[in-house]
Protein backbone atom coordinates (compact mmCIF):
# COMPACT_ATOMS: atom_id res chain seq x y z
CA MET A 1 15.63 -4.16 14.19
CA ALA A 2 14.21 -6.58 16.73
CA GLN A 3 13.93 -10.22 15.77
CA THR A 4 10.55 -11.08 14.35
CA GLN A 5 8.60 -14.17 13.40
CA MET A 6 5.98 -12.37 11.25
CA LEU A 7 6.73 -11.89 7.57
CA GLY A 8 4.16 -10.39 5.19
CA LEU A 9 4.11 -11.12 1.46
CA LEU A 10 2.73 -8.89 -1.29
CA THR A 11 3.15 -9.75 -4.98
CA ASP A 12 1.53 -9.56 -8.41
CA PHE A 13 2.35 -13.23 -9.05
CA GLY A 14 -1.15 -14.67 -8.78
CA LEU A 15 -1.56 -18.24 -7.53
CA ARG A 16 -1.56 -20.27 -10.74
CA ASP A 17 2.12 -20.58 -11.58
CA GLY A 18 3.78 -21.61 -8.34
CA TYR A 19 5.95 -18.51 -7.95
CA VAL A 20 4.47 -17.67 -4.56
CA GLY A 21 5.02 -21.20 -3.28
CA VAL A 22 8.64 -21.13 -4.39
CA MET A 23 9.23 -17.81 -2.58
CA LYS A 24 7.66 -19.22 0.57
CA ALA A 25 9.81 -22.36 0.35
CA VAL A 26 12.97 -20.26 0.05
CA THR A 27 11.89 -18.05 2.94
CA LEU A 28 11.08 -20.96 5.24
CA SER A 29 14.26 -22.83 4.36
CA ILE A 30 16.20 -19.91 5.86
CA ALA A 31 13.73 -18.80 8.55
CA PRO A 32 11.74 -21.97 9.41
CA ASP A 33 10.04 -20.34 12.40
CA ALA A 34 8.73 -17.36 10.43
CA ARG A 35 4.96 -16.91 10.35
CA LEU A 36 4.07 -16.01 6.78
CA VAL A 37 1.10 -13.72 6.18
CA ASP A 38 -0.23 -13.25 2.66
CA ILE A 39 -1.23 -9.62 2.16
CA SER A 40 -2.16 -10.20 -1.50
CA HIS A 41 -0.85 -12.01 -4.55
CA GLU A 42 -3.58 -10.63 -6.81
CA ILE A 43 -2.12 -7.20 -7.55
CA ALA A 44 -2.64 -6.66 -11.29
CA PRO A 45 0.52 -7.59 -13.25
CA GLN A 46 3.13 -4.83 -13.18
CA ASP A 47 0.74 -2.54 -11.28
CA ILE A 48 3.20 -0.76 -9.00
CA GLU A 49 0.66 1.86 -7.95
CA GLY A 50 -1.88 -0.80 -7.00
CA GLY A 51 0.76 -2.64 -5.00
CA ALA A 52 1.81 0.57 -3.30
CA TRP A 53 -1.75 1.37 -2.26
CA THR A 54 -2.34 -2.14 -0.92
CA LEU A 55 0.87 -2.00 1.09
CA GLY A 56 -0.05 1.48 2.34
CA MET A 57 -3.39 0.15 3.55
CA ALA A 58 -1.92 -2.97 5.17
CA TRP A 59 1.43 -2.27 6.76
CA ARG A 60 0.24 -0.80 10.05
CA ALA A 61 -1.65 -4.02 10.79
CA PHE A 62 1.70 -5.77 11.17
CA PRO A 63 3.34 -5.43 14.57
CA VAL A 64 6.54 -3.48 15.06
CA GLY A 65 9.43 -5.74 14.14
CA SER A 66 7.69 -7.32 11.15
CA VAL A 67 9.31 -7.80 7.75
CA LEU A 68 7.21 -7.04 4.66
CA LEU A 69 8.39 -8.75 1.49
CA CYS A 70 6.93 -6.90 -1.51
CA VAL A 71 7.53 -7.91 -5.11
CA VAL A 72 5.79 -6.01 -7.90
CA ASP A 73 8.80 -5.72 -10.11
CA PRO A 74 8.41 -5.08 -13.85
CA GLY A 75 12.01 -3.79 -13.87
CA VAL A 76 13.53 -7.05 -12.59
CA GLY A 77 17.00 -7.56 -14.04
CA SER A 78 17.39 -3.88 -14.95
CA ALA A 79 19.35 -1.16 -13.17
CA ARG A 80 16.56 -0.60 -10.63
CA ARG A 81 17.85 -1.14 -7.10
CA ALA A 82 16.94 -3.96 -4.73
CA VAL A 83 16.48 -2.44 -1.27
CA ALA A 84 15.46 -2.97 2.31
CA LEU A 85 13.89 0.00 4.11
CA ALA A 86 13.57 0.17 7.89
CA ALA A 87 10.76 2.59 8.74
CA HIS A 88 7.97 2.81 11.31
CA GLY A 89 9.53 -0.10 13.21
CA ARG A 90 9.11 -2.49 10.26
CA VAL A 91 11.40 -3.51 7.41
CA PHE A 92 10.17 -3.33 3.80
CA VAL A 93 12.04 -5.50 1.28
CA GLY A 94 11.61 -5.20 -2.47
CA PRO A 95 12.45 -3.24 -5.61
CA ASP A 96 13.09 0.49 -5.52
CA ASN A 97 10.35 1.45 -7.96
CA GLY A 98 7.82 3.39 -5.88
CA LEU A 99 6.31 0.38 -4.12
CA PHE A 100 7.18 1.93 -0.74
CA THR A 101 5.72 5.37 -1.49
CA TYR A 102 3.08 5.28 1.27
CA PRO A 103 5.26 4.23 4.22
CA LEU A 104 7.94 6.63 3.01
CA ASP A 105 5.50 9.56 3.07
CA ASP A 106 3.41 8.48 6.05
CA ASP A 107 3.85 9.81 9.55
CA GLY A 108 2.78 8.16 12.74
CA PRO A 109 3.36 7.72 16.47
CA ASP A 110 6.08 5.08 15.94
CA ASP A 111 8.41 7.36 13.97
CA ALA A 112 10.90 8.45 16.62
CA VAL A 113 13.67 6.57 14.76
CA GLU A 114 14.76 7.93 11.40
CA PRO A 115 14.28 5.58 8.43
CA ARG A 116 17.30 3.61 7.27
CA CYS A 117 17.86 1.89 3.95
CA VAL A 118 20.35 -0.44 2.30
CA ALA A 119 20.92 -1.75 -1.18
CA LEU A 120 20.70 -5.54 -1.14
CA ASP A 121 24.11 -5.92 -2.77
CA ASP A 122 25.85 -8.40 -0.49
CA PRO A 123 25.70 -11.76 -2.34
CA ARG A 124 26.20 -13.71 0.89
CA TYR A 125 22.49 -13.17 1.60
CA HIS A 126 21.28 -14.15 -1.89
CA LEU A 127 20.74 -17.55 -3.41
CA PRO A 128 23.70 -18.70 -5.54
CA THR A 129 23.76 -17.34 -9.11
CA PRO A 130 20.55 -15.27 -9.00
CA SER A 131 18.34 -15.32 -12.07
CA ALA A 132 17.80 -12.07 -13.97
CA THR A 133 14.05 -12.70 -13.98
CA PHE A 134 13.15 -13.92 -10.46
CA HIS A 135 14.70 -11.68 -7.81
CA GLY A 136 11.69 -12.44 -5.60
CA ARG A 137 13.05 -15.94 -5.14
CA ASP A 138 16.78 -15.30 -5.41
CA ILE A 139 17.32 -11.95 -3.63
CA PHE A 140 14.25 -10.55 -1.90
CA ALA A 141 12.99 -13.71 -0.20
CA PRO A 142 16.42 -14.73 1.17
CA CYS A 143 17.15 -11.22 2.43
CA ALA A 144 13.72 -10.95 4.07
CA ALA A 145 14.23 -14.34 5.71
CA HIS A 146 17.62 -13.34 7.09
CA LEU A 147 16.06 -10.18 8.52
CA ALA A 148 13.32 -12.30 10.12
CA ASN A 149 16.09 -14.39 11.69
CA GLY A 150 17.56 -11.27 13.29
CA THR A 151 20.31 -10.36 10.81
CA PRO A 152 21.03 -6.62 11.16
CA LEU A 153 19.83 -4.44 8.30
CA GLY A 154 23.30 -3.06 7.69
CA ALA A 155 24.72 -6.53 7.05
CA LEU A 156 22.70 -6.94 3.86
CA GLY A 157 24.42 -4.27 1.79
CA SER A 158 25.50 -0.70 1.23
CA ALA A 159 23.76 2.13 3.05
CA LEU A 160 21.40 4.32 1.02
CA ASP A 161 19.76 7.63 1.79
CA PRO A 162 16.01 6.89 2.11
CA ALA A 163 15.34 10.25 0.46
CA THR A 164 16.76 8.83 -2.79
CA LEU A 165 14.17 6.04 -3.01
CA VAL A 166 11.64 6.27 -5.82
CA ARG A 167 8.27 7.76 -4.93
CA LEU A 168 5.31 7.43 -7.25
CA PRO A 169 3.92 10.69 -8.69
CA ILE A 170 0.55 10.16 -7.02
CA ALA A 171 -1.37 12.50 -4.75
CA LEU A 172 -1.31 10.89 -1.33
CA ARG A 173 -3.59 13.56 0.08
CA PRO A 174 -6.32 15.77 -1.38
CA ARG A 175 -5.59 19.43 -2.04
CA ARG A 176 -7.63 22.52 -1.28
CA LYS A 177 -8.58 24.50 -4.38
CA GLY A 178 -10.65 27.53 -3.55
CA SER A 179 -13.81 26.38 -1.82
CA VAL A 180 -13.48 22.69 -2.77
CA TRP A 181 -11.20 19.74 -2.09
CA VAL A 182 -9.75 17.99 -5.13
CA ALA A 183 -9.11 14.29 -4.49
CA ARG A 184 -8.93 11.08 -6.51
CA VAL A 185 -10.03 7.48 -6.50
CA ALA A 186 -7.02 5.72 -5.00
CA HIS A 187 -8.31 2.16 -5.22
CA VAL A 188 -11.22 0.10 -6.52
CA ASP A 189 -11.66 -2.99 -4.37
CA HIS A 190 -13.02 -6.44 -5.20
CA PHE A 191 -16.58 -5.31 -4.44
CA GLY A 192 -16.43 -2.23 -6.65
CA ASN A 193 -16.13 0.19 -3.73
CA LEU A 194 -14.33 3.39 -4.73
CA ILE A 195 -11.83 4.26 -2.02
CA THR A 196 -10.58 7.83 -2.25
CA ASN A 197 -7.42 9.45 -0.96
CA ILE A 198 -9.45 11.58 1.45
CA GLY A 199 -8.05 10.73 4.86
CA ALA A 200 -9.72 9.88 8.13
CA GLU A 201 -10.00 13.35 9.66
CA LEU A 202 -11.44 15.04 6.58
CA THR A 203 -13.72 12.04 6.03
CA ARG A 204 -15.10 12.29 9.56
CA ARG A 205 -15.86 15.97 9.07
CA ALA A 206 -17.39 15.46 5.64
CA LEU A 207 -19.69 12.70 6.83
CA THR A 208 -20.99 14.81 9.73
CA HIS A 209 -21.36 18.05 7.77
CA PRO A 210 -24.90 18.42 6.33
CA LEU A 211 -23.78 20.30 3.20
CA ALA A 212 -20.91 18.03 2.20
CA HIS A 213 -21.20 16.09 -1.06
CA ILE A 214 -18.99 14.45 -3.65
CA SER A 215 -18.88 14.98 -7.40
CA LEU A 216 -17.59 12.04 -9.42
CA ALA A 217 -18.23 10.99 -13.00
CA GLN A 218 -20.64 13.92 -13.48
CA GLN A 219 -22.79 12.75 -10.61
CA GLU A 220 -23.28 14.29 -7.19
CA ILE A 221 -23.31 11.93 -4.21
CA SER A 222 -24.58 13.15 -0.86
CA ALA A 223 -26.26 10.06 0.62
CA ARG A 224 -24.23 8.58 3.43
CA ALA A 225 -24.30 5.60 5.74
CA SER A 226 -22.38 4.20 8.69
CA HIS A 227 -22.11 0.74 7.09
CA PHE A 228 -22.98 -1.03 3.85
CA ALA A 229 -26.37 -2.44 4.85
CA ALA A 230 -27.50 1.00 6.01
CA GLY A 231 -26.98 2.56 2.58
CA PRO A 232 -29.88 3.41 0.27
CA GLN A 233 -30.85 0.85 -2.34
CA GLY A 234 -30.00 1.57 -5.94
CA GLU A 235 -27.76 4.62 -5.56
CA PRO A 236 -24.16 5.31 -4.57
CA PHE A 237 -23.50 6.62 -1.06
CA LEU A 238 -20.61 7.78 1.09
CA LEU A 239 -19.13 5.97 4.06
CA GLN A 240 -15.86 5.67 5.91
CA ASP A 241 -13.82 2.71 4.68
CA SER A 242 -12.06 0.40 7.15
CA SER A 243 -8.79 2.16 6.24
CA GLY A 244 -10.32 5.44 7.47
CA ALA A 245 -10.65 6.91 3.97
CA LEU A 246 -13.81 8.26 2.38
CA ALA A 247 -15.33 5.62 0.11
CA ILE A 248 -18.21 5.52 -2.36
CA ALA A 249 -20.23 2.31 -2.20
CA GLN A 250 -23.43 0.86 -3.59
CA ARG A 251 -25.53 -1.48 -1.50
CA ASP A 252 -25.54 -5.02 -2.91
CA GLY A 253 -23.75 -3.75 -6.00
CA SER A 254 -20.67 -2.10 -7.46
CA ALA A 255 -20.25 1.66 -7.22
CA ALA A 256 -17.48 1.48 -9.81
CA GLN A 257 -19.81 -0.15 -12.31
CA ALA A 258 -22.74 2.11 -11.51
CA LEU A 259 -20.67 5.25 -11.97
CA GLY A 260 -18.33 4.00 -14.68
CA ALA A 261 -15.46 5.06 -12.42
CA GLN A 262 -11.93 3.77 -12.04
CA ARG A 263 -8.72 4.41 -10.13
CA GLY A 264 -7.30 7.85 -10.77
CA ASP A 265 -10.63 9.55 -11.47
CA GLU A 266 -10.98 13.00 -9.96
CA VAL A 267 -13.20 13.38 -6.93
CA ILE A 268 -14.44 16.83 -5.84
CA LEU A 269 -15.55 17.33 -2.25
CA ARG A 270 -17.81 20.36 -1.85
CA GLY A 271 -19.67 21.96 1.02
CA LEU A 272 -16.79 22.38 3.46
CA ALA A 273 -15.75 25.90 2.56
CA ASP A 274 -15.87 26.92 6.21
CA MET A 275 -13.37 24.27 7.27
CA GLU A 276 -9.64 24.65 7.70
CA ASP A 277 -7.17 22.48 5.78
CA VAL A 278 -6.97 18.94 7.08
CA GLY A 279 -5.61 15.76 5.48
């Protein structure tokens, strides 16, 4: 992996307790030239799925060679593995608990090199006497910093088969069921926008097809807009989210609140019976 100066951080630590600052201090003490980028520290506590989605949305924004340090780790101190995964030209460092589901299952133009993975079991790259409750500070941050300094992936521990890494049992893509597409709300953002797991190509087709509409929370949604301010007042509408996915929004309001919807709710896309399967 090429040497990098960009290191992304994703945690569920929040900003009140100082845990993020401690991780950054450890990282910079080993890799003082690293440029730290906060992806988010407001993942809900122990919400591995939420962390996985946020990482899946964010990782391609980081240039090839970046290290992404991800700690949503309710199993800290248990038998769950600490790993570093090299995939898509980046290295993902964190617990093996499903946090890396999206990059593991994603394909892209930068995938000519097969993924590689190691268990972070070489204590030379940890802080002395790691705590059983703060591997973010004692194992993950030091290992990520060494990678940012150019340490080869294989130096950090024993090789693992990437196929053995934990993947969350979530539907990354919608499925065709007869004449409809069955999808789900993958994320509810800070504004109450409902971001589905309907990908960019199917979203583009749905938004340009006059008969396409969504059913969610016993309500049909067919209004659509190219951006938030163009949406109708007082009712949910469809648009393409910045991630490329199909989203349900409400102008100057919260679609989640208006519909009483939450992550995991089923979304039915109708009106595309004449279309072939696309993701």
